[in-house]
Amino acid sequence: MRYRREFFRQLIHATGIVFVVLAGYLDTPSMIIISLGAAICGEIIFQLDRRFYIPFFSGILRGCRRDDTERGFIYYFIGMALTYSLFGSNLAVANASIIILTLGDSLSTIIGREYGKHPLPLKPDKSIEGSAAFLAAGFIGSLFFLEPVYAFTGALTGMLVEAYTPVEDNIVIPLATGVALMLYMGLHPL
């Protein structure tokens, strides 16, 4: 694989699936607290790592980040906390939104970097192959929580947001996906 560092980074990103598993056992307020706690711990470790070598954590951080200022993993936890805050009353939507981010974003980067040959319209740094991987992974992952038509709607929304958002996608993908799912489910109940 040409992009070993990015591959490792995306594997770590995909481990966020653990939070979705935890949500099956904990209530929504607990998930919000755990997500915010993870974001705060992440920021503390990030700041300490800039000054000292921290066994285990520094190896992961220094091996994965794209540059010295990147905080994508912290934004991931913030996005998760916001998703549980806004959509926690419908845990299927919250979990599907997070799983779409977790699996879709990871696979789109891995596939897009390794096999992407066809750029997206208006976004030459993203590929059709990566977006297709996002759609497939997000759809399959969200089927654990949603009916197929809703799973596809969520995965398609997440894919479009990931491809075209100008802001931090770890926050925007689950929020936009949750909004789209709630609207679509309200307009088209099964």
C-alpha atoms as a PDB file:
ATOM      1  CA  MET A   1       0.000   0.000   0.000  1.00  0.00           C
ATOM      2  CA  ARG A   2       1.350   3.398  -1.031  1.00  0.00           C
ATOM      3  CA  TYR A   3      -0.274   5.278   1.811  1.00  0.00           C
ATOM      4  CA  ARG A   4       0.694   3.293   4.914  1.00  0.00           C
ATOM      5  CA  ARG A   5       0.463   6.246   7.303  1.00  0.00           C
ATOM      6  CA  GLU A   6      -2.987   7.189   6.011  1.00  0.00           C
ATOM      7  CA  PHE A   7      -4.116   3.569   6.129  1.00  0.00           C
ATOM      8  CA  PHE A   8      -3.069   3.287   9.778  1.00  0.00           C
ATOM      9  CA  ARG A   9      -4.747   6.636  10.519  1.00  0.00           C
ATOM     10  CA  GLN A  10      -8.015   5.462   8.981  1.00  0.00           C
ATOM     11  CA  LEU A  11      -7.917   2.166  10.863  1.00  0.00           C
ATOM     12  CA  ILE A  12      -7.700   4.154  14.088  1.00  0.00           C
ATOM     13  CA  HIS A  13     -10.605   6.321  12.848  1.00  0.00           C
ATOM     14  CA  ALA A  14     -12.670   3.171  12.260  1.00  0.00           C
ATOM     15  CA  THR A  15     -12.155   2.027  15.862  1.00  0.00           C
ATOM     16  CA  GLY A  16     -14.737   4.665  16.731  1.00  0.00           C
ATOM     17  CA  ILE A  17     -17.229   1.898  16.112  1.00  0.00           C
ATOM     18  CA  VAL A  18     -16.604   0.989  19.766  1.00  0.00           C
ATOM     19  CA  PHE A  19     -18.675   4.023  20.774  1.00  0.00           C
ATOM     20  CA  VAL A  20     -21.642   2.780  18.753  1.00  0.00           C
ATOM     21  CA  VAL A  21     -21.352  -0.590  20.495  1.00  0.00           C
ATOM     22  CA  LEU A  22     -21.229   1.177  23.875  1.00  0.00           C
ATOM     23  CA  ALA A  23     -24.385   3.098  22.963  1.00  0.00           C
ATOM     24  CA  GLY A  24     -26.217  -0.222  22.927  1.00  0.00           C
ATOM     25  CA  TYR A  25     -25.521  -0.559  26.644  1.00  0.00           C
ATOM     26  CA  LEU A  26     -25.542   3.031  27.904  1.00  0.00           C
ATOM     27  CA  ASP A  27     -28.084   5.817  27.879  1.00  0.00           C
ATOM     28  CA  THR A  28     -27.796   8.955  25.755  1.00  0.00           C
ATOM     29  CA  PRO A  29     -26.530  11.278  28.546  1.00  0.00           C
ATOM     30  CA  SER A  30     -23.752   8.770  29.286  1.00  0.00           C
ATOM     31  CA  MET A  31     -22.754   8.723  25.604  1.00  0.00           C
ATOM     32  CA  ILE A  32     -22.629  12.524  25.528  1.00  0.00           C
ATOM     33  CA  ILE A  33     -20.444  12.593  28.649  1.00  0.00           C
ATOM     34  CA  ILE A  34     -18.129   9.857  27.327  1.00  0.00           C
ATOM     35  CA  SER A  35     -17.781  11.636  23.969  1.00  0.00           C
ATOM     36  CA  LEU A  36     -17.027  14.996  25.595  1.00  0.00           C
ATOM     37  CA  GLY A  37     -14.643  13.299  28.019  1.00  0.00           C
ATOM     38  CA  ALA A  38     -12.824  11.670  25.115  1.00  0.00           C
ATOM     39  CA  ALA A  39     -12.545  15.062  23.366  1.00  0.00           C
ATOM     40  CA  ILE A  40     -11.139  16.707  26.517  1.00  0.00           C
ATOM     41  CA  CYS A  41      -8.700  13.840  27.157  1.00  0.00           C
ATOM     42  CA  GLY A  42      -7.691  13.967  23.502  1.00  0.00           C
ATOM     43  CA  GLU A  43      -6.921  17.689  23.726  1.00  0.00           C
ATOM     44  CA  ILE A  44      -4.901  17.205  26.923  1.00  0.00           C
ATOM     45  CA  ILE A  45      -2.898  14.366  25.356  1.00  0.00           C
ATOM     46  CA  PHE A  46      -2.458  16.440  22.178  1.00  0.00           C
ATOM     47  CA  GLN A  47      -1.034  19.360  24.182  1.00  0.00           C
ATOM     48  CA  LEU A  48       1.205  17.153  26.321  1.00  0.00           C
ATOM     49  CA  ASP A  49       2.497  15.332  23.233  1.00  0.00           C
ATOM     50  CA  ARG A  50       3.700  18.647  21.813  1.00  0.00           C
ATOM     51  CA  ARG A  51       6.021  18.992  24.830  1.00  0.00           C
ATOM     52  CA  PHE A  52       6.824  15.432  25.926  1.00  0.00           C
ATOM     53  CA  TYR A  53       6.910  11.916  24.624  1.00  0.00           C
ATOM     54  CA  ILE A  54       3.988  10.009  26.152  1.00  0.00           C
ATOM     55  CA  PRO A  55       4.399   6.237  25.931  1.00  0.00           C
ATOM     56  CA  PHE A  56       1.823   4.599  23.665  1.00  0.00           C
ATOM     57  CA  PHE A  57      -0.099   7.827  22.877  1.00  0.00           C
ATOM     58  CA  SER A  58       2.757   9.760  21.273  1.00  0.00           C
ATOM     59  CA  GLY A  59       3.568   6.830  19.016  1.00  0.00           C
ATOM     60  CA  ILE A  60      -0.011   6.746  17.750  1.00  0.00           C
ATOM     61  CA  LEU A  61      -0.398  10.514  17.443  1.00  0.00           C
ATOM     62  CA  ARG A  62       2.918  11.090  15.728  1.00  0.00           C
ATOM     63  CA  GLY A  63       2.389   8.115  13.450  1.00  0.00           C
ATOM     64  CA  CYS A  64      -1.068   9.196  12.318  1.00  0.00           C
ATOM     65  CA  ARG A  65      -1.427  12.931  12.123  1.00  0.00           C
ATOM     66  CA  ARG A  66      -1.013  14.724   8.843  1.00  0.00           C
ATOM     67  CA  ASP A  67       0.582  17.794  10.444  1.00  0.00           C
ATOM     68  CA  ASP A  68       1.403  19.152  13.901  1.00  0.00           C
ATOM     69  CA  THR A  69      -1.836  21.119  14.261  1.00  0.00           C
ATOM     70  CA  GLU A  70      -4.331  18.472  13.201  1.00  0.00           C
ATOM     71  CA  ARG A  71      -7.072  17.690  15.692  1.00  0.00           C
ATOM     72  CA  GLY A  72      -9.381  15.505  13.599  1.00  0.00           C
ATOM     73  CA  PHE A  73      -9.742  12.919  16.352  1.00  0.00           C
ATOM     74  CA  ILE A  74     -10.897  15.597  18.796  1.00  0.00           C
ATOM     75  CA  TYR A  75     -13.445  16.897  16.288  1.00  0.00           C
ATOM     76  CA  TYR A  76     -14.606  13.315  15.837  1.00  0.00           C
ATOM     77  CA  PHE A  77     -15.537  13.109  19.522  1.00  0.00           C
ATOM     78  CA  ILE A  78     -17.151  16.559  19.445  1.00  0.00           C
ATOM     79  CA  GLY A  79     -19.196  15.511  16.406  1.00  0.00           C
ATOM     80  CA  MET A  80     -20.225  12.374  18.260  1.00  0.00           C
ATOM     81  CA  ALA A  81     -21.271  14.347  21.375  1.00  0.00           C
ATOM     82  CA  LEU A  82     -23.307  16.759  19.260  1.00  0.00           C
ATOM     83  CA  THR A  83     -24.929  13.881  17.380  1.00  0.00           C
ATOM     84  CA  TYR A  84     -25.998  12.142  20.576  1.00  0.00           C
ATOM     85  CA  SER A  85     -27.173  15.489  21.978  1.00  0.00           C
ATOM     86  CA  LEU A  86     -29.343  16.322  18.974  1.00  0.00           C
ATOM     87  CA  PHE A  87     -30.535  12.867  17.916  1.00  0.00           C
ATOM     88  CA  GLY A  88     -30.212  10.811  21.096  1.00  0.00           C
ATOM     89  CA  SER A  89     -33.987  10.561  21.364  1.00  0.00           C
ATOM     90  CA  ASN A  90     -33.782   8.397  18.236  1.00  0.00           C
ATOM     91  CA  LEU A  91     -30.762   6.224  18.981  1.00  0.00           C
ATOM     92  CA  ALA A  92     -31.043   4.426  15.634  1.00  0.00           C
ATOM     93  CA  VAL A  93     -30.518   7.735  13.807  1.00  0.00           C
ATOM     94  CA  ALA A  94     -27.680   8.813  16.122  1.00  0.00           C
ATOM     95  CA  ASN A  95     -25.853   5.485  15.841  1.00  0.00           C
ATOM     96  CA  ALA A  96     -26.386   5.253  12.081  1.00  0.00           C
ATOM     97  CA  SER A  97     -25.054   8.798  11.630  1.00  0.00           C
ATOM     98  CA  ILE A  98     -21.934   7.959  13.616  1.00  0.00           C
ATOM     99  CA  ILE A  99     -21.390   4.609  11.891  1.00  0.00           C
ATOM    100  CA  ILE A 100     -21.713   6.348   8.508  1.00  0.00           C
ATOM    101  CA  LEU A 101     -18.991   8.772   9.587  1.00  0.00           C
ATOM    102  CA  THR A 102     -16.825   6.055  11.112  1.00  0.00           C
ATOM    103  CA  LEU A 103     -16.913   3.516   8.303  1.00  0.00           C
ATOM    104  CA  GLY A 104     -17.668   5.756   5.344  1.00  0.00           C
ATOM    105  CA  ASP A 105     -15.001   8.358   6.010  1.00  0.00           C
ATOM    106  CA  SER A 106     -12.362   5.714   6.721  1.00  0.00           C
ATOM    107  CA  LEU A 107     -13.067   3.581   3.660  1.00  0.00           C
ATOM    108  CA  SER A 108     -13.440   6.566   1.325  1.00  0.00           C
ATOM    109  CA  THR A 109      -9.949   7.746   2.214  1.00  0.00           C
ATOM    110  CA  ILE A 110      -8.338   4.309   1.981  1.00  0.00           C
ATOM    111  CA  ILE A 111      -9.979   3.397  -1.331  1.00  0.00           C
ATOM    112  CA  GLY A 112      -9.769   6.895  -2.771  1.00  0.00           C
ATOM    113  CA  ARG A 113      -6.057   7.246  -2.050  1.00  0.00           C
ATOM    114  CA  GLU A 114      -5.138   3.780  -3.230  1.00  0.00           C
ATOM    115  CA  TYR A 115      -7.477   3.291  -6.188  1.00  0.00           C
ATOM    116  CA  GLY A 116      -8.995   6.696  -6.981  1.00  0.00           C
ATOM    117  CA  LYS A 117      -8.534   7.502 -10.654  1.00  0.00           C
ATOM    118  CA  HIS A 118     -11.626   9.566 -11.480  1.00  0.00           C
ATOM    119  CA  PRO A 119     -11.966  12.959  -9.768  1.00  0.00           C
ATOM    120  CA  LEU A 120     -15.316  14.171  -8.516  1.00  0.00           C
ATOM    121  CA  PRO A 121     -16.916  17.091 -10.346  1.00  0.00           C
ATOM    122  CA  LEU A 122     -15.783  20.377  -8.770  1.00  0.00           C
ATOM    123  CA  LYS A 123     -13.567  18.496  -6.308  1.00  0.00           C
ATOM    124  CA  PRO A 124     -10.425  17.153  -8.014  1.00  0.00           C
ATOM    125  CA  ASP A 125      -8.811  16.096  -4.708  1.00  0.00           C
ATOM    126  CA  LYS A 126     -11.626  13.569  -4.118  1.00  0.00           C
ATOM    127  CA  SER A 127     -12.438  10.566  -6.292  1.00  0.00           C
ATOM    128  CA  ILE A 128     -15.522   8.756  -7.493  1.00  0.00           C
ATOM    129  CA  GLU A 129     -13.974   5.512  -6.224  1.00  0.00           C
ATOM    130  CA  GLY A 130     -13.540   6.954  -2.717  1.00  0.00           C
ATOM    131  CA  SER A 131     -17.080   8.318  -2.688  1.00  0.00           C
ATOM    132  CA  ALA A 132     -18.466   4.977  -3.854  1.00  0.00           C
ATOM    133  CA  ALA A 133     -16.584   3.280  -1.006  1.00  0.00           C
ATOM    134  CA  PHE A 134     -18.094   5.789   1.426  1.00  0.00           C
ATOM    135  CA  LEU A 135     -21.584   5.102   0.135  1.00  0.00           C
ATOM    136  CA  ALA A 136     -21.185   1.314   0.297  1.00  0.00           C
ATOM    137  CA  ALA A 137     -19.587   1.236   3.756  1.00  0.00           C
ATOM    138  CA  GLY A 138     -22.010   3.784   5.198  1.00  0.00           C
ATOM    139  CA  PHE A 139     -25.000   1.954   3.758  1.00  0.00           C
ATOM    140  CA  ILE A 140     -23.918  -1.480   4.999  1.00  0.00           C
ATOM    141  CA  GLY A 141     -22.989  -0.158   8.447  1.00  0.00           C
ATOM    142  CA  SER A 142     -26.225   1.752   8.914  1.00  0.00           C
ATOM    143  CA  LEU A 143     -28.311  -1.293   7.958  1.00  0.00           C
ATOM    144  CA  PHE A 144     -27.682  -2.492  11.524  1.00  0.00           C
ATOM    145  CA  PHE A 145     -29.859   0.402  12.723  1.00  0.00           C
ATOM    146  CA  LEU A 146     -32.112   1.467   9.868  1.00  0.00           C
ATOM    147  CA  GLU A 147     -34.379   0.117   7.154  1.00  0.00           C
ATOM    148  CA  PRO A 148     -32.640  -0.005   3.742  1.00  0.00           C
ATOM    149  CA  VAL A 149     -34.263   3.119   2.279  1.00  0.00           C
ATOM    150  CA  TYR A 150     -33.229   5.151   5.342  1.00  0.00           C
ATOM    151  CA  ALA A 151     -29.761   3.585   5.402  1.00  0.00           C
ATOM    152  CA  PHE A 152     -29.241   4.586   1.773  1.00  0.00           C
ATOM    153  CA  THR A 153     -30.517   8.125   2.424  1.00  0.00           C
ATOM    154  CA  GLY A 154     -28.104   8.532   5.341  1.00  0.00           C
ATOM    155  CA  ALA A 155     -25.129   7.067   3.479  1.00  0.00           C
ATOM    156  CA  LEU A 156     -25.813   9.225   0.409  1.00  0.00           C
ATOM    157  CA  THR A 157     -26.071  12.350   2.559  1.00  0.00           C
ATOM    158  CA  GLY A 158     -22.851  11.500   4.387  1.00  0.00           C
ATOM    159  CA  MET A 159     -21.055  10.788   1.116  1.00  0.00           C
ATOM    160  CA  LEU A 160     -22.063  14.146  -0.389  1.00  0.00           C
ATOM    161  CA  VAL A 161     -21.113  16.038   2.760  1.00  0.00           C
ATOM    162  CA  GLU A 162     -17.740  14.274   2.982  1.00  0.00           C
ATOM    163  CA  ALA A 163     -17.008  15.066  -0.643  1.00  0.00           C
ATOM    164  CA  TYR A 164     -18.020  18.715  -0.670  1.00  0.00           C
ATOM    165  CA  THR A 165     -17.949  20.215   2.822  1.00  0.00           C
ATOM    166  CA  PRO A 166     -15.444  23.051   3.265  1.00  0.00           C
ATOM    167  CA  VAL A 167     -15.388  22.573   7.054  1.00  0.00           C
ATOM    168  CA  GLU A 168     -14.374  19.811   9.467  1.00  0.00           C
ATOM    169  CA  ASP A 169     -16.128  16.691   8.210  1.00  0.00           C
ATOM    170  CA  ASN A 170     -15.888  14.801  11.521  1.00  0.00           C
ATOM    171  CA  ILE A 171     -18.447  17.245  12.913  1.00  0.00           C
ATOM    172  CA  VAL A 172     -20.527  17.980   9.826  1.00  0.00           C
ATOM    173  CA  ILE A 173     -21.041  14.438   8.464  1.00  0.00           C
ATOM    174  CA  PRO A 174     -22.943  12.969  11.435  1.00  0.00           C
ATOM    175  CA  LEU A 175     -24.935  16.166  11.992  1.00  0.00           C
ATOM    176  CA  ALA A 176     -26.001  16.544   8.360  1.00  0.00           C
ATOM    177  CA  THR A 177     -26.751  12.833   8.159  1.00  0.00           C
ATOM    178  CA  GLY A 178     -28.884  12.968  11.303  1.00  0.00           C
ATOM    179  CA  VAL A 179     -30.836  15.976  10.027  1.00  0.00           C
ATOM    180  CA  ALA A 180     -31.413  14.337   6.629  1.00  0.00           C
ATOM    181  CA  LEU A 181     -32.547  11.097   8.261  1.00  0.00           C
ATOM    182  CA  MET A 182     -34.951  12.813  10.654  1.00  0.00           C
ATOM    183  CA  LEU A 183     -36.451  14.863   7.814  1.00  0.00           C
ATOM    184  CA  TYR A 184     -36.735  11.911   5.449  1.00  0.00           C
ATOM    185  CA  MET A 185     -38.168   9.624   8.121  1.00  0.00           C
ATOM    186  CA  GLY A 186     -40.699  12.314   9.036  1.00  0.00           C
ATOM    187  CA  LEU A 187     -41.752  12.755   5.417  1.00  0.00           C
ATOM    188  CA  HIS A 188     -41.633   9.053   4.503  1.00  0.00           C
ATOM    189  CA  PRO A 189     -42.479   6.931   7.536  1.00  0.00           C
ATOM    190  CA  LEU A 190     -42.489   3.178   6.962  1.00  0.00           C
END
